Amino acid sequence: MARPTDNPQEPNPSNTGTDEAGELRRVSFLPEENNTPQTISLDEFLKKCRTNPKGLFEGLLRMWDFHQDEMKHQLELAQHRETNLQQQFEACGQQIDKLIAERDRYKEAYVELSLECRESRGTPAPEQPHRSVKLPDPPILTDGKDPKFDDWLSRMRSKLNANADHYSNELFRIAYVQNRIGGRAAKHTAPRFREGSLNTYQNAEEIFQHLKSIFFDPSQRMAARHQLRNLQMKPYQKFHDFLATPSHSAYHSVSEQ
């Protein structure tokens, strides 16, 4: 009588339609009669191969297309989330820039107040010299249009010269100029006001020259010269009225360049 082997050969999962854990493996396909994916076992798959191979093939193709559409949809969702995150990141960056600019303004104001307090403690009150009458502050420069850059620059220089005793050093003058700019002008100058900048402003005139390179219109000189060449006094016009005409300002615009 034959004896049973001590180590019987274990069944191959690929032959039984089961995986290594012993669970029945199934394959997905999409029937033609509905749009709901279905799964079939190995025996069902083989049966369909014998009875309806074309239908099985078409079902597998439809399942492939179904997965492709699903993957495309998920990709679009991921791209949409990425776009939203990028917009949030850019908004955070703009907010950080505003906070840094505000921090720098507070810092400059603190330095100005500290220096004023230090000077007031070091000079006896009775011997303090009479300070000049403080002129009104020029409007804040934003885009070079309202106020115009040339007008603003002229007022700023007059203010700093007439009230030089109020701004006794370049640190005060730089801090004052910084407080009179905003909008586009502040955006251009902010990097050089930041702490740790490798190219900080050394004096107020550097700020003026930087802003002039941004807002000065090169065609202004040509237009002024053209007006100067065509400047004529009319026969009936009085001389003081002629001097007051807008065209007469062309001479001053050219001579100041």
C-alpha atoms as a PDB file:
ATOM      1  CA  MET A   1       0.000   0.000   0.000  1.00  0.00           C
ATOM      2  CA  ALA A   2       1.448   3.369  -1.017  1.00  0.00           C
ATOM      3  CA  ARG A   3       2.279   5.742   1.821  1.00  0.00           C
ATOM      4  CA  PRO A   4       1.196   9.404   1.596  1.00  0.00           C
ATOM      5  CA  THR A   5       4.066  11.784   1.194  1.00  0.00           C
ATOM      6  CA  ASP A   6       5.223  13.616   4.285  1.00  0.00           C
ATOM      7  CA  ASN A   7       5.329  17.016   2.478  1.00  0.00           C
ATOM      8  CA  PRO A   8       2.414  17.235   0.084  1.00  0.00           C
ATOM      9  CA  GLN A   9       2.852  19.895  -2.622  1.00  0.00           C
ATOM     10  CA  GLU A  10       0.956  23.073  -1.747  1.00  0.00           C
ATOM     11  CA  PRO A  11      -1.450  24.350  -4.416  1.00  0.00           C
ATOM     12  CA  ASN A  12      -0.143  27.106  -6.711  1.00  0.00           C
ATOM     13  CA  PRO A  13      -2.217  30.318  -6.235  1.00  0.00           C
ATOM     14  CA  SER A  14      -1.886  31.079  -9.944  1.00  0.00           C
ATOM     15  CA  ASN A  15      -3.615  27.786 -10.750  1.00  0.00           C
ATOM     16  CA  THR A  16      -6.426  28.171  -8.221  1.00  0.00           C
ATOM     17  CA  GLY A  17      -7.194  31.852  -8.736  1.00  0.00           C
ATOM     18  CA  THR A  18      -6.178  32.829  -5.199  1.00  0.00           C
ATOM     19  CA  ASP A  19      -3.428  35.078  -3.912  1.00  0.00           C
ATOM     20  CA  GLU A  20      -0.724  34.154  -1.388  1.00  0.00           C
ATOM     21  CA  ALA A  21      -3.094  34.938   1.491  1.00  0.00           C
ATOM     22  CA  GLY A  22      -5.591  32.443   0.135  1.00  0.00           C
ATOM     23  CA  GLU A  23      -8.107  35.044  -0.898  1.00  0.00           C
ATOM     24  CA  LEU A  24      -9.894  34.714  -4.202  1.00  0.00           C
ATOM     25  CA  ARG A  25      -8.431  37.048  -6.806  1.00  0.00           C
ATOM     26  CA  ARG A  26     -10.802  38.991  -9.019  1.00  0.00           C
ATOM     27  CA  VAL A  27     -10.464  41.174 -12.108  1.00  0.00           C
ATOM     28  CA  SER A  28     -12.500  44.302 -12.895  1.00  0.00           C
ATOM     29  CA  PHE A  29     -14.320  44.948 -16.136  1.00  0.00           C
ATOM     30  CA  LEU A  30     -17.127  47.219 -17.303  1.00  0.00           C
ATOM     31  CA  PRO A  31     -20.194  45.470 -18.797  1.00  0.00           C
ATOM     32  CA  GLU A  32     -21.818  47.069 -21.804  1.00  0.00           C
ATOM     33  CA  GLU A  33     -25.273  47.126 -20.223  1.00  0.00           C
ATOM     34  CA  ASN A  34     -24.332  49.546 -17.348  1.00  0.00           C
ATOM     35  CA  ASN A  35     -21.609  51.944 -16.225  1.00  0.00           C
ATOM     36  CA  THR A  36     -20.865  50.237 -12.921  1.00  0.00           C
ATOM     37  CA  PRO A  37     -17.542  48.342 -12.768  1.00  0.00           C
ATOM     38  CA  GLN A  38     -17.844  44.680 -11.803  1.00  0.00           C
ATOM     39  CA  THR A  39     -15.336  42.076 -10.662  1.00  0.00           C
ATOM     40  CA  ILE A  40     -15.173  38.437 -11.733  1.00  0.00           C
ATOM     41  CA  SER A  41     -13.196  35.501 -10.427  1.00  0.00           C
ATOM     42  CA  LEU A  42     -10.719  33.443 -12.419  1.00  0.00           C
ATOM     43  CA  ASP A  43     -13.342  30.784 -13.169  1.00  0.00           C
ATOM     44  CA  GLU A  44     -15.807  33.426 -14.380  1.00  0.00           C
ATOM     45  CA  PHE A  45     -13.067  35.044 -16.459  1.00  0.00           C
ATOM     46  CA  LEU A  46     -12.218  31.715 -18.143  1.00  0.00           C
ATOM     47  CA  LYS A  47     -15.883  31.003 -18.742  1.00  0.00           C
ATOM     48  CA  LYS A  48     -16.333  34.363 -20.465  1.00  0.00           C
ATOM     49  CA  CYS A  49     -13.227  33.654 -22.526  1.00  0.00           C
ATOM     50  CA  ARG A  50     -14.915  30.554 -23.870  1.00  0.00           C
ATOM     51  CA  THR A  51     -18.479  31.841 -24.210  1.00  0.00           C
ATOM     52  CA  ASN A  52     -18.119  35.557 -25.016  1.00  0.00           C
ATOM     53  CA  PRO A  53     -14.475  36.526 -25.627  1.00  0.00           C
ATOM     54  CA  LYS A  54     -15.365  39.652 -27.621  1.00  0.00           C
ATOM     55  CA  GLY A  55     -17.686  40.941 -24.909  1.00  0.00           C
ATOM     56  CA  LEU A  56     -15.004  40.287 -22.290  1.00  0.00           C
ATOM     57  CA  PHE A  57     -12.415  42.145 -24.372  1.00  0.00           C
ATOM     58  CA  GLU A  58     -14.732  45.118 -24.888  1.00  0.00           C
ATOM     59  CA  GLY A  59     -15.511  45.145 -21.163  1.00  0.00           C
ATOM     60  CA  LEU A  60     -11.814  45.256 -20.284  1.00  0.00           C
ATOM     61  CA  LEU A  61     -11.267  48.109 -22.771  1.00  0.00           C
ATOM     62  CA  ARG A  62     -14.164  50.036 -21.276  1.00  0.00           C
ATOM     63  CA  MET A  63     -12.686  49.435 -17.828  1.00  0.00           C
ATOM     64  CA  TRP A  64      -9.340  50.797 -19.052  1.00  0.00           C
ATOM     65  CA  ASP A  65     -11.049  53.921 -20.413  1.00  0.00           C
ATOM     66  CA  PHE A  66     -12.935  54.257 -17.144  1.00  0.00           C
ATOM     67  CA  HIS A  67      -9.671  54.225 -15.168  1.00  0.00           C
ATOM     68  CA  GLN A  68      -8.093  56.689 -17.600  1.00  0.00           C
ATOM     69  CA  ASP A  69     -10.987  59.135 -17.145  1.00  0.00           C
ATOM     70  CA  GLU A  70     -10.817  58.731 -13.376  1.00  0.00           C
ATOM     71  CA  MET A  71      -7.061  59.391 -13.352  1.00  0.00           C
ATOM     72  CA  LYS A  72      -7.558  62.468 -15.550  1.00  0.00           C
ATOM     73  CA  HIS A  73     -10.216  63.758 -13.160  1.00  0.00           C
ATOM     74  CA  GLN A  74      -7.961  63.225 -10.155  1.00  0.00           C
ATOM     75  CA  LEU A  75      -5.107  64.997 -11.985  1.00  0.00           C
ATOM     76  CA  GLU A  76      -7.336  68.005 -12.677  1.00  0.00           C
ATOM     77  CA  LEU A  77      -8.322  68.125  -9.009  1.00  0.00           C
ATOM     78  CA  ALA A  78      -4.660  67.993  -7.981  1.00  0.00           C
ATOM     79  CA  GLN A  79      -3.756  70.793 -10.401  1.00  0.00           C
ATOM     80  CA  HIS A  80      -6.629  72.906  -9.070  1.00  0.00           C
ATOM     81  CA  ARG A  81      -5.421  72.383  -5.500  1.00  0.00           C
ATOM     82  CA  GLU A  82      -1.885  73.276  -6.584  1.00  0.00           C
ATOM     83  CA  THR A  83      -3.119  76.521  -8.173  1.00  0.00           C
ATOM     84  CA  ASN A  84      -5.003  77.443  -4.995  1.00  0.00           C
ATOM     85  CA  LEU A  85      -1.946  76.739  -2.862  1.00  0.00           C
ATOM     86  CA  GLN A  86       0.241  78.836  -5.182  1.00  0.00           C
ATOM     87  CA  GLN A  87      -2.178  81.765  -4.914  1.00  0.00           C
ATOM     88  CA  GLN A  88      -2.231  81.440  -1.139  1.00  0.00           C
ATOM     89  CA  PHE A  89       1.561  81.340  -1.106  1.00  0.00           C
ATOM     90  CA  GLU A  90       1.819  84.515  -3.206  1.00  0.00           C
ATOM     91  CA  ALA A  91      -0.720  86.277  -0.983  1.00  0.00           C
ATOM     92  CA  CYS A  92       1.306  85.319   2.085  1.00  0.00           C
ATOM     93  CA  GLY A  93       4.450  86.648   0.416  1.00  0.00           C
ATOM     94  CA  GLN A  94       2.803  90.007  -0.287  1.00  0.00           C
ATOM     95  CA  GLN A  95       1.563  90.202   3.286  1.00  0.00           C
ATOM     96  CA  ILE A  96       5.052  89.450   4.572  1.00  0.00           C
ATOM     97  CA  ASP A  97       6.511  92.247   2.415  1.00  0.00           C
ATOM     98  CA  LYS A  98       3.957  94.693   3.842  1.00  0.00           C
ATOM     99  CA  LEU A  99       4.766  93.620   7.393  1.00  0.00           C
ATOM    100  CA  ILE A 100       8.501  93.984   6.760  1.00  0.00           C
ATOM    101  CA  ALA A 101       8.003  97.491   5.334  1.00  0.00           C
ATOM    102  CA  GLU A 102       5.855  98.450   8.315  1.00  0.00           C
ATOM    103  CA  ARG A 103       8.432  97.031  10.701  1.00  0.00           C
ATOM    104  CA  ASP A 104      11.171  99.086   9.009  1.00  0.00           C
ATOM    105  CA  ARG A 105       9.116 102.268   9.334  1.00  0.00           C
ATOM    106  CA  TYR A 106       8.580 101.681  13.036  1.00  0.00           C
ATOM    107  CA  LYS A 107      12.255 100.940  13.447  1.00  0.00           C
ATOM    108  CA  GLU A 108      13.299 104.200  11.766  1.00  0.00           C
ATOM    109  CA  ALA A 109      10.821 106.152  13.878  1.00  0.00           C
ATOM    110  CA  TYR A 110      12.192 104.521  17.010  1.00  0.00           C
ATOM    111  CA  VAL A 111      15.757 105.419  16.036  1.00  0.00           C
ATOM    112  CA  GLU A 112      14.713 109.025  15.358  1.00  0.00           C
ATOM    113  CA  LEU A 113      12.998 109.340  18.721  1.00  0.00           C
ATOM    114  CA  SER A 114      15.967 107.749  20.507  1.00  0.00           C
ATOM    115  CA  LEU A 115      18.409 110.204  18.937  1.00  0.00           C
ATOM    116  CA  GLU A 116      16.167 113.151  19.752  1.00  0.00           C
ATOM    117  CA  CYS A 117      15.932 112.034  23.379  1.00  0.00           C
ATOM    118  CA  ARG A 118      19.694 111.549  23.552  1.00  0.00           C
ATOM    119  CA  GLU A 119      20.338 115.022  22.150  1.00  0.00           C
ATOM    120  CA  SER A 120      17.789 116.606  24.475  1.00  0.00           C
ATOM    121  CA  ARG A 121      19.478 115.046  27.513  1.00  0.00           C
ATOM    122  CA  GLY A 122      22.945 116.145  26.381  1.00  0.00           C
ATOM    123  CA  THR A 123      22.078 119.847  25.785  1.00  0.00           C
ATOM    124  CA  PRO A 124      20.974 122.169  28.600  1.00  0.00           C
ATOM    125  CA  ALA A 125      17.438 123.391  28.027  1.00  0.00           C
ATOM    126  CA  PRO A 126      18.131 127.140  28.457  1.00  0.00           C
ATOM    127  CA  GLU A 127      20.885 127.092  25.825  1.00  0.00           C
ATOM    128  CA  GLN A 128      18.934 125.306  23.119  1.00  0.00           C
ATOM    129  CA  PRO A 129      19.065 127.340  19.888  1.00  0.00           C
ATOM    130  CA  HIS A 130      15.855 128.647  18.386  1.00  0.00           C
ATOM    131  CA  ARG A 131      14.576 126.177  15.840  1.00  0.00           C
ATOM    132  CA  SER A 132      13.163 127.190  12.518  1.00  0.00           C
ATOM    133  CA  VAL A 133       9.434 127.249  11.885  1.00  0.00           C
ATOM    134  CA  LYS A 134       8.488 123.816  10.642  1.00  0.00           C
ATOM    135  CA  LEU A 135       7.146 123.900   7.083  1.00  0.00           C
ATOM    136  CA  PRO A 136       4.136 121.768   6.063  1.00  0.00           C
ATOM    137  CA  ASP A 137       4.974 118.247   4.979  1.00  0.00           C
ATOM    138  CA  PRO A 138       4.901 117.637   1.207  1.00  0.00           C
ATOM    139  CA  PRO A 139       2.277 115.129   0.007  1.00  0.00           C
ATOM    140  CA  ILE A 140       3.245 111.477  -0.112  1.00  0.00           C
ATOM    141  CA  LEU A 141       4.765 110.376  -3.420  1.00  0.00           C
ATOM    142  CA  THR A 142       3.100 107.254  -4.803  1.00  0.00           C
ATOM    143  CA  ASP A 143       3.058 106.882  -8.589  1.00  0.00           C
ATOM    144  CA  GLY A 144       4.756 110.120  -9.703  1.00  0.00           C
ATOM    145  CA  LYS A 145       1.483 111.507 -11.081  1.00  0.00           C
ATOM    146  CA  ASP A 146      -0.356 112.964  -8.086  1.00  0.00           C
ATOM    147  CA  PRO A 147       1.733 114.625  -6.855  1.00  0.00           C
ATOM    148  CA  LYS A 148       4.062 114.896  -9.835  1.00  0.00           C
ATOM    149  CA  PHE A 149       7.564 113.775  -9.071  1.00  0.00           C
ATOM    150  CA  ASP A 150       9.215 117.099 -10.003  1.00  0.00           C
ATOM    151  CA  ASP A 151       6.875 119.063  -7.714  1.00  0.00           C
ATOM    152  CA  TRP A 152       7.344 116.607  -4.895  1.00  0.00           C
ATOM    153  CA  LEU A 153      11.140 116.628  -5.238  1.00  0.00           C
ATOM    154  CA  SER A 154      11.251 120.433  -5.202  1.00  0.00           C
ATOM    155  CA  ARG A 155       9.114 120.580  -2.051  1.00  0.00           C
ATOM    156  CA  MET A 156      11.120 117.886  -0.314  1.00  0.00           C
ATOM    157  CA  ARG A 157      14.419 119.657  -0.944  1.00  0.00           C
ATOM    158  CA  SER A 158      12.957 122.982   0.203  1.00  0.00           C
ATOM    159  CA  LYS A 159      11.608 121.296   3.338  1.00  0.00           C
ATOM    160  CA  LEU A 160      14.925 119.656   4.234  1.00  0.00           C
ATOM    161  CA  ASN A 161      16.907 122.831   3.546  1.00  0.00           C
ATOM    162  CA  ALA A 162      14.574 125.241   5.354  1.00  0.00           C
ATOM    163  CA  ASN A 163      14.192 122.921   8.352  1.00  0.00           C
ATOM    164  CA  ALA A 164      17.742 121.613   8.369  1.00  0.00           C
ATOM    165  CA  ASP A 165      17.918 122.147  12.153  1.00  0.00           C
ATOM    166  CA  HIS A 166      15.039 119.657  12.565  1.00  0.00           C
ATOM    167  CA  TYR A 167      16.933 117.040  10.534  1.00  0.00           C
ATOM    168  CA  SER A 168      20.456 117.516  11.800  1.00  0.00           C
ATOM    169  CA  ASN A 169      21.963 114.330  10.326  1.00  0.00           C
ATOM    170  CA  GLU A 170      21.451 112.017   7.381  1.00  0.00           C
ATOM    171  CA  LEU A 171      19.687 109.416   9.498  1.00  0.00           C
ATOM    172  CA  PHE A 172      16.902 111.915  10.262  1.00  0.00           C
ATOM    173  CA  ARG A 173      16.759 113.047   6.639  1.00  0.00           C
ATOM    174  CA  ILE A 174      16.555 109.468   5.320  1.00  0.00           C
ATOM    175  CA  ALA A 175      13.840 108.585   7.846  1.00  0.00           C
ATOM    176  CA  TYR A 176      11.825 111.676   6.883  1.00  0.00           C
ATOM    177  CA  VAL A 177      12.047 110.951   3.142  1.00  0.00           C
ATOM    178  CA  GLN A 178      10.988 107.357   3.765  1.00  0.00           C
ATOM    179  CA  ASN A 179       7.868 108.601   5.566  1.00  0.00           C
ATOM    180  CA  ARG A 180       6.914 110.747   2.543  1.00  0.00           C
ATOM    181  CA  ILE A 181       6.775 107.903   0.007  1.00  0.00           C
ATOM    182  CA  GLY A 182       4.223 105.142  -0.496  1.00  0.00           C
ATOM    183  CA  GLY A 183       2.622 102.944  -3.138  1.00  0.00           C
ATOM    184  CA  ARG A 184       4.801 102.282  -6.172  1.00  0.00           C
ATOM    185  CA  ALA A 185       7.592 104.523  -4.886  1.00  0.00           C
ATOM    186  CA  ALA A 186       7.760 102.627  -1.590  1.00  0.00           C
ATOM    187  CA  LYS A 187       7.759  99.304  -3.452  1.00  0.00           C
ATOM    188  CA  HIS A 188      10.840 100.338  -5.457  1.00  0.00           C
ATOM    189  CA  THR A 189      12.766 101.656  -2.442  1.00  0.00           C
ATOM    190  CA  ALA A 190      11.732  99.084   0.198  1.00  0.00           C
ATOM    191  CA  PRO A 191      14.591  96.592  -0.521  1.00  0.00           C
ATOM    192  CA  ARG A 192      17.226  99.228   0.226  1.00  0.00           C
ATOM    193  CA  PHE A 193      15.530 100.261   3.479  1.00  0.00           C
ATOM    194  CA  ARG A 194      15.486  96.732   4.876  1.00  0.00           C
ATOM    195  CA  GLU A 195      17.830  95.698   7.638  1.00  0.00           C
ATOM    196  CA  GLY A 196      20.813  93.784   6.311  1.00  0.00           C
ATOM    197  CA  SER A 197      20.582  95.222   2.795  1.00  0.00           C
ATOM    198  CA  LEU A 198      23.940  95.318   1.006  1.00  0.00           C
ATOM    199  CA  ASN A 199      23.026  98.574  -0.741  1.00  0.00           C
ATOM    200  CA  THR A 200      21.346 100.767   1.875  1.00  0.00           C
ATOM    201  CA  TYR A 201      20.852 104.459   1.260  1.00  0.00           C
ATOM    202  CA  GLN A 202      23.684 106.591   2.628  1.00  0.00           C
ATOM    203  CA  ASN A 203      21.868 109.918   2.402  1.00  0.00           C
ATOM    204  CA  ALA A 204      18.589 111.479   1.287  1.00  0.00           C
ATOM    205  CA  GLU A 205      20.021 112.528  -2.068  1.00  0.00           C
ATOM    206  CA  GLU A 206      20.560 108.866  -3.019  1.00  0.00           C
ATOM    207  CA  ILE A 207      16.851 108.251  -2.472  1.00  0.00           C
ATOM    208  CA  PHE A 208      15.991 111.239  -4.669  1.00  0.00           C
ATOM    209  CA  GLN A 209      18.274 110.040  -7.472  1.00  0.00           C
ATOM    210  CA  HIS A 210      16.845 106.522  -7.279  1.00  0.00           C
ATOM    211  CA  LEU A 211      13.286 107.812  -7.534  1.00  0.00           C
ATOM    212  CA  LYS A 212      14.306 110.172 -10.327  1.00  0.00           C
ATOM    213  CA  SER A 213      15.545 107.209 -12.377  1.00  0.00           C
ATOM    214  CA  ILE A 214      12.068 105.690 -12.010  1.00  0.00           C
ATOM    215  CA  PHE A 215       9.709 108.632 -12.442  1.00  0.00           C
ATOM    216  CA  PHE A 216      11.654 111.141 -14.555  1.00  0.00           C
ATOM    217  CA  ASP A 217      10.324 111.381 -18.122  1.00  0.00           C
ATOM    218  CA  PRO A 218      13.250 111.744 -20.603  1.00  0.00           C
ATOM    219  CA  SER A 219      10.915 113.304 -23.163  1.00  0.00           C
ATOM    220  CA  GLN A 220      10.200 116.199 -20.820  1.00  0.00           C
ATOM    221  CA  ARG A 221      13.419 118.012 -21.755  1.00  0.00           C
ATOM    222  CA  MET A 222      12.722 117.697 -25.489  1.00  0.00           C
ATOM    223  CA  ALA A 223       9.169 118.982 -25.054  1.00  0.00           C
ATOM    224  CA  ALA A 224      10.444 121.927 -23.007  1.00  0.00           C
ATOM    225  CA  ARG A 225      13.040 122.836 -25.625  1.00  0.00           C
ATOM    226  CA  HIS A 226      10.389 122.661 -28.327  1.00  0.00           C
ATOM    227  CA  GLN A 227       8.172 125.038 -26.373  1.00  0.00           C
ATOM    228  CA  LEU A 228      11.136 127.350 -25.795  1.00  0.00           C
ATOM    229  CA  ARG A 229      11.892 127.591 -29.522  1.00  0.00           C
ATOM    230  CA  ASN A 230       8.261 128.467 -30.299  1.00  0.00           C
ATOM    231  CA  LEU A 231       7.949 130.938 -27.427  1.00  0.00           C
ATOM    232  CA  GLN A 232       6.728 134.318 -28.715  1.00  0.00           C
ATOM    233  CA  MET A 233       5.143 137.316 -27.116  1.00  0.00           C
ATOM    234  CA  LYS A 234       1.916 138.390 -28.824  1.00  0.00           C
ATOM    235  CA  PRO A 235       1.590 142.049 -29.926  1.00  0.00           C
ATOM    236  CA  TYR A 236      -1.298 142.806 -27.566  1.00  0.00           C
ATOM    237  CA  GLN A 237       0.142 140.875 -24.616  1.00  0.00           C
ATOM    238  CA  LYS A 238       1.604 142.623 -21.593  1.00  0.00           C
ATOM    239  CA  PHE A 239       5.082 141.613 -20.531  1.00  0.00           C
ATOM    240  CA  HIS A 240       4.144 140.436 -17.021  1.00  0.00           C
ATOM    241  CA  ASP A 241       1.271 138.393 -18.533  1.00  0.00           C
ATOM    242  CA  PHE A 242       3.748 136.861 -20.975  1.00  0.00           C
ATOM    243  CA  LEU A 243       6.019 135.820 -18.108  1.00  0.00           C
ATOM    244  CA  ALA A 244       3.076 134.164 -16.382  1.00  0.00           C
ATOM    245  CA  THR A 245       2.051 131.976 -19.339  1.00  0.00           C
ATOM    246  CA  PRO A 246       2.559 128.204 -18.926  1.00  0.00           C
ATOM    247  CA  SER A 247       4.752 128.096 -22.045  1.00  0.00           C
ATOM    248  CA  HIS A 248       7.261 130.407 -20.398  1.00  0.00           C
ATOM    249  CA  SER A 249       7.991 127.667 -17.843  1.00  0.00           C
ATOM    250  CA  ALA A 250       9.740 125.767 -20.640  1.00  0.00           C
ATOM    251  CA  TYR A 251      12.767 127.991 -20.170  1.00  0.00           C
ATOM    252  CA  HIS A 252      13.042 127.064 -16.502  1.00  0.00           C
ATOM    253  CA  SER A 253      12.538 123.365 -17.232  1.00  0.00           C
ATOM    254  CA  VAL A 254      15.394 123.395 -19.723  1.00  0.00           C
ATOM    255  CA  SER A 255      17.742 125.480 -17.585  1.00  0.00           C
ATOM    256  CA  GLU A 256      17.284 123.224 -14.535  1.00  0.00           C
ATOM    257  CA  GLN A 257      18.305 120.025 -16.389  1.00  0.00           C
END
